[in-house]
Amino acid sequence: MDAPAIFIQWKNGQLPTIAHIQAAMLTGDVRGLELVATMYLQARRTIKAMQIFSDDKYLQLLLEAVPKTWTPKVVKVLSITLPSKYPQLDLYFESIKQFGQPNNRQLDNRESKTSVVEPSTSVVEPSTSVVEPSTPRINPRNSTTSNIIQSVNHVEDVDLIMANRQKPSVWVLVRMLNASVPIEWVQQCASKLTIAIHRQEQVEQDAFVLLDDDNTRHVHHIDNSVTSFMRVLHSCMSVDTSPSIITWQFSQSKHAIHLQQLAERLKQLCPTKPIEFAIFACSLGLPTTKLMKTRDCIERWKHSRFNTLSFDIVIKMLLRPFFLTSSGGNETSVLFIHYLEHIQEFICIEDNKVDDVENFFFQQYYSYPTRDEMKYIWSRIEKNANMYK
């Protein structure tokens, strides 16, 4: 299942279709099926379970997939009348009744109608005829078909959305590189103020005593967009000396980020790829948020005395703490093979009860990379860097 595409469709007000559900079941994509369930839960909608089994071509395969893919979370969004016409379903629901129940479970009245919670106004009725489900392949964690290959544009769109959740990581980077200044200094010096935050957050503009819109000597941004921040940061790296001092806050706080200082410190750490290093260190749009924290990245980088960034170095930075390698052979290849062998250990499982779609997607799809995501991790860093240029 192309999770990034489905996420973007959901952001645009469209729920996954029955065909998407069938495809997730046939490929054993439990994570994808729980993503679908989370979307229906947030929309307060149910899925008519019997529609899933309306295709005779895949009927037997779908019935066999039920005990392998229907978790209690998935069952919560199902609307079904029991007993059904498929004994396998009845047996499954009986076996998991202490863990999860479908909506409107009817044990004795086959003719009773199940009710559906009224949908929110921003979603549409699921369709049964959008796409033919895929045939079974292998476990999604070891899939040979990368989301990056399947849907580059959707991945890039989602990467930008997910990068905006990494403001705490950006601040860790800033503090470790000593690139922040007190807000009192900014208020006494800033000549221009630009604001792009939630309306409910009131900015005390009177505290900035030297404001003059025609003077760009010191521009201070109060803007909660990581995308905007990274683009301005890249512009600071593109020139040796900026005519303006630029400071930044994602929201009102006691400190601000000094972008020229941050740009200079990043160029000192990684002279050839400073913006790529910032993306890597903060996991901006990367599925590495739990594999490596920003603080660990900076400490490992300094300890290893790297001075450039490449695929080999990214793999070493991410995987050296987890696997021992011998002195012989290609260390990068050995680490990559070890990761593939232990990939089932790198799965986010503790937050599966999250019912907010964006939180669920971030935790489940941006914590640890799949095989292909790890294989193409450097390409993804470069693509994300290009989005900020």
Protein backbone atom coordinates (compact mmCIF):
# COMPACT_ATOMS: atom_id res chain seq x y z
CA MET A 1 0.00 0.00 0.00
CA ASP A 2 1.32 3.43 -0.94
CA ALA A 3 1.00 5.00 2.50
CA PRO A 4 2.27 8.50 1.54
CA ALA A 5 -0.29 8.75 -1.27
CA ILE A 6 -3.10 7.64 1.03
CA PHE A 7 -1.96 10.13 3.68
CA ILE A 8 -2.02 13.01 1.17
CA GLN A 9 -5.47 11.92 -0.03
CA TRP A 10 -6.63 11.91 3.58
CA LYS A 11 -5.21 15.43 4.07
CA ASN A 12 -7.32 16.41 1.06
CA GLY A 13 -10.47 14.99 2.66
CA GLN A 14 -10.62 11.54 1.07
CA LEU A 15 -10.81 8.28 3.00
CA PRO A 16 -9.08 5.10 1.76
CA THR A 17 -11.21 2.86 -0.45
CA ILE A 18 -12.22 -0.76 -0.02
CA ALA A 19 -9.59 -1.60 -2.65
CA HIS A 20 -6.91 -0.03 -0.44
CA ILE A 21 -8.07 -2.17 2.47
CA GLN A 22 -8.02 -5.30 0.32
CA ALA A 23 -4.52 -4.51 -0.94
CA ALA A 24 -3.22 -4.05 2.61
CA MET A 25 -4.71 -7.37 3.66
CA LEU A 26 -3.36 -9.25 0.65
CA THR A 27 0.17 -7.93 1.18
CA GLY A 28 0.11 -8.53 4.93
CA ASP A 29 0.53 -4.81 5.58
CA VAL A 30 -0.72 -4.60 9.16
CA ARG A 31 0.77 -1.15 9.66
CA GLY A 32 -0.99 0.14 6.56
CA LEU A 33 -4.28 -1.41 7.63
CA GLU A 34 -4.00 0.24 11.04
CA LEU A 35 -3.32 3.54 9.27
CA VAL A 36 -6.58 3.07 7.38
CA ALA A 37 -8.37 2.20 10.63
CA THR A 38 -6.96 5.32 12.30
CA MET A 39 -8.31 7.47 9.47
CA TYR A 40 -11.78 5.97 9.83
CA LEU A 41 -11.66 6.34 13.61
CA GLN A 42 -10.74 10.02 13.37
CA ALA A 43 -13.47 10.57 10.77
CA ARG A 44 -15.91 8.69 13.00
CA ARG A 45 -16.76 6.36 10.16
CA THR A 46 -17.15 2.59 9.98
CA ILE A 47 -16.28 0.11 7.26
CA LYS A 48 -18.90 -2.36 6.10
CA ALA A 49 -16.86 -5.50 6.53
CA MET A 50 -18.76 -7.59 4.02
CA GLN A 51 -17.82 -5.19 1.20
CA ILE A 52 -14.22 -6.32 1.67
CA PHE A 53 -15.20 -9.85 0.64
CA SER A 54 -17.35 -8.89 -2.36
CA ASP A 55 -14.64 -9.84 -4.88
CA ASP A 56 -14.82 -13.58 -5.60
CA LYS A 57 -11.41 -13.48 -7.28
CA TYR A 58 -9.66 -12.74 -3.99
CA LEU A 59 -12.23 -14.10 -1.56
CA GLN A 60 -10.25 -17.02 -0.20
CA LEU A 61 -7.03 -15.03 0.09
CA LEU A 62 -8.84 -12.25 1.93
CA LEU A 63 -10.47 -14.65 4.36
CA GLU A 64 -7.08 -16.24 5.05
CA ALA A 65 -5.61 -12.77 5.66
CA VAL A 66 -8.15 -11.85 8.36
CA PRO A 67 -6.40 -13.44 11.39
CA LYS A 68 -3.03 -12.14 10.14
CA THR A 69 -4.02 -8.52 9.58
CA TRP A 70 -7.12 -7.62 11.58
CA THR A 71 -5.88 -6.22 14.88
CA PRO A 72 -8.21 -4.96 17.62
CA LYS A 73 -7.77 -1.44 16.23
CA VAL A 74 -8.93 -2.58 12.79
CA VAL A 75 -11.88 -4.43 14.28
CA LYS A 76 -13.02 -1.22 16.00
CA VAL A 77 -13.92 0.35 12.65
CA LEU A 78 -15.72 -2.65 11.20
CA SER A 79 -19.48 -2.77 10.88
CA ILE A 80 -20.76 -6.34 10.56
CA THR A 81 -23.73 -8.53 11.35
CA LEU A 82 -22.87 -11.85 12.97
CA PRO A 83 -23.18 -14.66 12.26
CA SER A 84 -21.93 -13.86 8.77
CA LYS A 85 -22.03 -16.10 5.74
CA TYR A 86 -18.35 -16.95 6.28
CA PRO A 87 -17.64 -19.30 9.23
CA GLN A 88 -14.00 -18.18 9.25
CA LEU A 89 -15.08 -14.65 10.17
CA ASP A 90 -17.38 -15.83 12.93
CA LEU A 91 -14.62 -17.99 14.39
CA TYR A 92 -12.16 -15.09 14.26
CA PHE A 93 -14.47 -12.66 16.04
CA GLU A 94 -15.20 -15.26 18.69
CA SER A 95 -11.47 -15.77 19.28
CA ILE A 96 -10.70 -12.05 19.74
CA LYS A 97 -13.83 -10.91 21.54
CA GLN A 98 -11.86 -10.12 24.71
CA PHE A 99 -9.51 -7.83 22.72
CA GLY A 100 -11.74 -6.02 20.25
CA GLN A 101 -15.28 -5.93 19.00
CA PRO A 102 -16.67 -4.74 15.65
CA ASN A 103 -19.27 -2.00 15.63
CA ASN A 104 -22.89 -3.05 16.13
CA ARG A 105 -22.19 -6.73 16.62
CA GLN A 106 -25.38 -8.76 16.17
CA LEU A 107 -25.14 -12.40 17.18
CA ASP A 108 -28.57 -13.73 16.37
CA ASN A 109 -30.41 -11.48 13.97
CA ARG A 110 -29.02 -11.82 10.47
CA GLU A 111 -31.54 -9.30 9.12
CA SER A 112 -30.76 -6.48 11.55
CA LYS A 113 -29.22 -3.39 9.99
CA THR A 114 -26.02 -1.93 11.33
CA SER A 115 -25.91 1.80 11.83
CA VAL A 116 -23.02 3.98 10.73
CA VAL A 117 -21.78 7.04 12.58
CA GLU A 118 -22.38 10.18 10.58
CA PRO A 119 -19.24 11.21 8.69
CA SER A 120 -17.44 14.50 9.08
CA THR A 121 -18.10 16.92 6.24
CA SER A 122 -14.58 16.68 4.83
CA VAL A 123 -14.56 13.03 3.78
CA VAL A 124 -16.26 10.98 1.10
CA GLU A 125 -17.89 7.57 0.97
CA PRO A 126 -15.40 4.76 0.29
CA SER A 127 -15.52 3.22 -3.14
CA THR A 128 -15.21 -0.41 -4.10
CA SER A 129 -14.09 0.16 -7.68
CA VAL A 130 -11.07 2.46 -7.61
CA VAL A 131 -8.16 0.06 -7.92
CA GLU A 132 -7.75 -3.65 -8.17
CA PRO A 133 -5.93 -4.96 -5.09
CA SER A 134 -2.39 -6.15 -5.43
CA THR A 135 -1.55 -9.83 -5.30
CA PRO A 136 0.28 -11.08 -2.21
CA ARG A 137 3.98 -10.40 -2.03
CA ILE A 138 6.15 -10.35 1.08
CA ASN A 139 6.27 -8.64 4.45
CA PRO A 140 6.21 -4.84 4.00
CA ARG A 141 9.20 -4.40 6.32
CA ASN A 142 11.30 -6.28 3.77
CA SER A 143 9.46 -5.11 0.66
CA THR A 144 11.47 -4.78 -2.53
CA THR A 145 9.20 -1.97 -3.75
CA SER A 146 10.13 1.30 -2.10
CA ASN A 147 7.62 4.03 -1.36
CA ILE A 148 10.26 6.37 -2.71
CA ILE A 149 10.12 4.60 -6.08
CA GLN A 150 6.33 4.17 -6.05
CA SER A 151 5.35 7.76 -5.36
CA VAL A 152 8.20 10.27 -5.19
CA ASN A 153 5.99 13.35 -5.21
CA HIS A 154 3.80 12.05 -2.39
CA VAL A 155 6.84 11.13 -0.30
CA GLU A 156 8.30 14.61 -0.78
CA ASP A 157 5.00 16.23 0.19
CA VAL A 158 4.72 14.09 3.31
CA ASP A 159 8.38 14.67 4.20
CA LEU A 160 7.72 18.41 4.33
CA ILE A 161 4.68 17.90 6.54
CA MET A 162 6.53 15.58 8.91
CA ALA A 163 9.59 17.82 9.05
CA ASN A 164 7.40 20.47 10.68
CA ARG A 165 6.98 18.14 13.66
CA GLN A 166 10.72 18.24 14.34
CA LYS A 167 11.00 21.69 15.90
CA PRO A 168 12.25 20.21 19.22
CA SER A 169 15.05 18.46 17.32
CA VAL A 170 15.98 21.70 15.58
CA TRP A 171 16.24 23.37 18.96
CA VAL A 172 18.47 20.56 20.27
CA LEU A 173 20.78 21.17 17.31
CA VAL A 174 20.78 24.91 17.95
CA ARG A 175 21.60 24.56 21.63
CA MET A 176 24.35 22.01 21.04
CA LEU A 177 25.94 24.34 18.49
CA ASN A 178 25.48 27.38 20.73
CA ALA A 179 23.55 29.29 18.07
CA SER A 180 20.80 30.92 20.15
CA VAL A 181 20.46 34.40 21.60
CA PRO A 182 18.25 35.83 24.38
CA ILE A 183 14.97 37.26 23.14
CA GLU A 184 15.68 40.44 25.12
CA TRP A 185 18.67 41.12 22.85
CA VAL A 186 16.50 40.56 19.77
CA GLN A 187 13.82 42.92 21.10
CA GLN A 188 16.40 45.64 21.64
CA CYS A 189 18.07 45.23 18.22
CA ALA A 190 15.59 43.93 15.61
CA SER A 191 14.62 46.45 12.95
CA LYS A 192 12.02 44.36 11.14
CA LEU A 193 9.54 41.79 12.38
CA THR A 194 7.76 39.13 10.29
CA ILE A 195 5.04 37.04 11.91
CA ALA A 196 3.53 33.81 10.62
CA ILE A 197 2.09 31.89 13.54
CA HIS A 198 -1.32 30.80 14.81
CA ARG A 199 -3.65 33.72 15.25
CA GLN A 200 -4.40 32.82 18.84
CA GLU A 201 -0.78 33.46 19.78
CA GLN A 202 -0.52 37.18 20.38
CA VAL A 203 2.86 38.80 19.74
CA GLU A 204 3.83 41.81 21.86
CA GLN A 205 5.20 43.93 19.04
CA ASP A 206 5.68 46.88 21.37
CA ALA A 207 8.54 44.95 23.02
CA PHE A 208 10.58 45.38 19.83
CA VAL A 209 11.76 48.95 20.32
CA LEU A 210 13.62 49.67 17.05
CA LEU A 211 11.15 48.41 14.44
CA ASP A 212 11.33 50.10 11.06
CA ASP A 213 9.81 48.21 8.12
CA ASP A 214 12.17 49.91 5.68
CA ASN A 215 15.25 48.77 7.57
CA THR A 216 16.43 45.16 7.09
CA ARG A 217 19.50 45.50 9.30
CA HIS A 218 18.12 42.82 11.66
CA VAL A 219 15.11 40.77 10.56
CA HIS A 220 13.39 38.68 13.21
CA HIS A 221 10.97 35.93 12.18
CA ILE A 222 8.27 34.45 14.40
CA ASP A 223 7.21 31.61 12.14
CA ASN A 224 6.25 28.04 13.06
CA SER A 225 7.20 26.58 9.67
CA VAL A 226 10.30 24.38 9.60
CA THR A 227 10.16 24.55 5.81
CA SER A 228 10.41 28.34 5.82
CA PHE A 229 13.14 28.19 8.46
CA MET A 230 15.26 25.75 6.44
CA ARG A 231 14.91 27.81 3.27
CA VAL A 232 16.12 30.95 5.02
CA LEU A 233 18.91 28.95 6.69
CA HIS A 234 20.02 27.70 3.29
CA SER A 235 20.08 31.25 1.96
CA CYS A 236 22.37 32.19 4.86
CA MET A 237 24.73 29.38 3.82
CA SER A 238 24.74 30.52 0.21
CA VAL A 239 26.49 33.83 0.89
CA ASP A 240 29.70 34.50 2.80
CA THR A 241 28.33 37.56 4.54
CA SER A 242 24.68 38.53 4.85
CA PRO A 243 23.67 42.20 4.85
CA SER A 244 21.14 41.41 7.55
CA ILE A 245 21.16 39.68 10.89
CA ILE A 246 18.42 37.06 10.86
CA THR A 247 16.91 35.55 14.00
CA TRP A 248 14.05 33.08 14.30
CA GLN A 249 11.47 31.78 16.73
CA PHE A 250 8.97 29.01 15.97
CA SER A 251 6.83 30.46 18.76
CA GLN A 252 7.32 33.04 21.46
CA SER A 253 9.97 31.93 23.93
CA LYS A 254 12.95 33.20 25.90
CA HIS A 255 15.46 32.50 23.15
CA ALA A 256 15.76 32.90 19.40
CA ILE A 257 17.87 31.14 16.80
CA HIS A 258 20.65 33.19 15.25
CA LEU A 259 20.67 31.86 11.69
CA GLN A 260 24.08 33.21 10.65
CA GLN A 261 25.66 31.62 13.71
CA LEU A 262 23.87 28.33 13.04
CA ALA A 263 24.90 28.36 9.39
CA GLU A 264 28.52 29.00 10.34
CA ARG A 265 28.59 26.23 12.96
CA LEU A 266 27.04 23.75 10.52
CA LYS A 267 29.66 24.64 7.90
CA GLN A 268 32.37 24.05 10.48
CA LEU A 269 30.96 20.59 11.27
CA CYS A 270 30.29 19.57 7.66
CA PRO A 271 31.86 22.04 5.22
CA THR A 272 30.66 20.36 2.02
CA LYS A 273 27.10 19.40 3.00
CA PRO A 274 25.91 21.68 5.82
CA ILE A 275 22.21 21.77 4.93
CA GLU A 276 22.18 18.01 4.37
CA PHE A 277 23.83 17.57 7.74
CA ALA A 278 21.10 19.62 9.46
CA ILE A 279 18.42 17.50 7.76
CA PHE A 280 20.18 14.29 8.81
CA ALA A 281 20.85 15.40 12.38
CA CYS A 282 17.26 16.52 12.97
CA SER A 283 15.59 13.74 10.93
CA LEU A 284 13.74 16.33 8.85
CA GLY A 285 11.45 14.29 6.64
CA LEU A 286 13.49 11.15 7.34
CA PRO A 287 12.26 7.85 8.84
CA THR A 288 14.99 7.92 11.49
CA THR A 289 13.42 9.87 14.34
CA LYS A 290 13.77 6.99 16.81
CA LEU A 291 16.77 5.31 15.24
CA MET A 292 18.99 8.30 16.06
CA LYS A 293 18.28 11.38 18.15
CA THR A 294 19.80 14.76 17.32
CA ARG A 295 21.98 14.84 20.43
CA ASP A 296 23.37 11.40 19.62
CA CYS A 297 24.08 12.47 16.06
CA ILE A 298 26.16 15.47 17.09
CA GLU A 299 28.07 13.47 19.69
CA ARG A 300 28.78 10.59 17.28
CA TRP A 301 29.83 13.00 14.55
CA LYS A 302 32.35 14.78 16.75
CA HIS A 303 33.65 11.51 18.22
CA SER A 304 34.11 9.95 14.77
CA ARG A 305 35.70 13.12 13.37
CA PHE A 306 33.79 12.97 10.13
CA ASN A 307 33.89 16.12 7.99
CA THR A 308 31.61 15.26 5.07
CA LEU A 309 28.36 13.41 4.53
CA SER A 310 27.72 10.49 2.18
CA PHE A 311 25.78 7.23 2.05
CA ASP A 312 28.61 5.34 3.75
CA ILE A 313 28.86 7.82 6.60
CA VAL A 314 25.09 8.00 7.09
CA ILE A 315 24.93 4.20 7.47
CA LYS A 316 27.85 4.20 9.89
CA MET A 317 26.32 6.99 11.96
CA LEU A 318 22.95 5.27 12.15
CA LEU A 319 23.99 1.66 12.70
CA ARG A 320 27.38 1.49 14.42
CA PRO A 321 25.84 1.73 17.92
CA PHE A 322 23.69 -1.35 17.24
CA PHE A 323 26.03 -3.79 15.51
CA LEU A 324 29.64 -4.89 15.92
CA THR A 325 31.69 -5.34 12.77
CA SER A 326 35.08 -6.93 12.20
CA SER A 327 38.02 -4.96 10.90
CA GLY A 328 37.91 -6.70 7.51
CA GLY A 329 35.41 -6.20 4.71
CA ASN A 330 33.19 -3.28 3.77
CA GLU A 331 31.81 -1.90 7.02
CA THR A 332 28.87 -0.17 5.34
CA SER A 333 27.75 -3.36 3.61
CA VAL A 334 28.12 -5.40 6.79
CA LEU A 335 26.11 -2.89 8.83
CA PHE A 336 23.40 -2.78 6.17
CA ILE A 337 23.14 -6.58 6.12
CA HIS A 338 22.93 -6.70 9.92
CA TYR A 339 20.11 -4.17 9.82
CA LEU A 340 18.18 -6.27 7.31
CA GLU A 341 18.68 -9.36 9.45
CA HIS A 342 17.32 -7.59 12.53
CA ILE A 343 14.84 -5.25 10.84
CA GLN A 344 11.85 -6.69 12.73
CA GLU A 345 13.45 -5.36 15.93
CA PHE A 346 13.29 -1.81 14.57
CA ILE A 347 9.54 -1.30 14.56
CA CYS A 348 7.54 1.27 16.49
CA ILE A 349 5.03 -0.79 18.43
CA GLU A 350 4.37 1.08 21.65
CA ASP A 351 2.18 3.81 20.14
CA ASN A 352 -0.25 1.75 18.06
CA LYS A 353 -3.21 3.00 20.12
CA VAL A 354 -2.81 6.56 18.85
CA ASP A 355 -6.05 7.64 17.17
CA ASP A 356 -4.77 10.88 15.60
CA VAL A 357 -3.84 10.19 11.97
CA GLU A 358 -0.88 12.55 11.71
CA ASN A 359 0.60 11.35 15.02
CA PHE A 360 0.10 7.73 14.00
CA PHE A 361 1.68 8.29 10.59
CA PHE A 362 4.65 10.11 12.09
CA GLN A 363 5.29 7.46 14.72
CA GLN A 364 4.77 4.46 12.48
CA TYR A 365 6.40 5.68 9.26
CA TYR A 366 9.10 8.06 10.47
CA SER A 367 10.66 6.15 13.37
CA TYR A 368 12.70 3.44 11.64
CA PRO A 369 13.47 2.95 7.92
CA THR A 370 12.35 -0.06 5.93
CA ARG A 371 14.92 -1.93 3.86
CA ASP A 372 14.47 0.24 0.80
CA GLU A 373 14.21 3.43 2.83
CA MET A 374 17.60 2.61 4.36
CA LYS A 375 19.00 1.70 0.95
CA TYR A 376 17.94 5.07 -0.48
CA ILE A 377 18.42 7.15 2.67
CA TRP A 378 21.16 9.32 1.18
CA SER A 379 19.10 10.04 -1.94
CA ARG A 380 16.23 11.08 0.29
CA ILE A 381 18.45 13.44 2.28
CA GLU A 382 19.61 15.06 -0.96
CA LYS A 383 16.05 15.35 -2.29
CA ASN A 384 14.88 16.94 0.95
CA ALA A 385 17.80 19.37 0.81
CA ASN A 386 16.77 20.40 -2.71
CA MET A 387 13.27 21.20 -1.44
CA TYR A 388 14.78 23.84 0.85
CA LYS A 389 16.87 25.50 -1.86
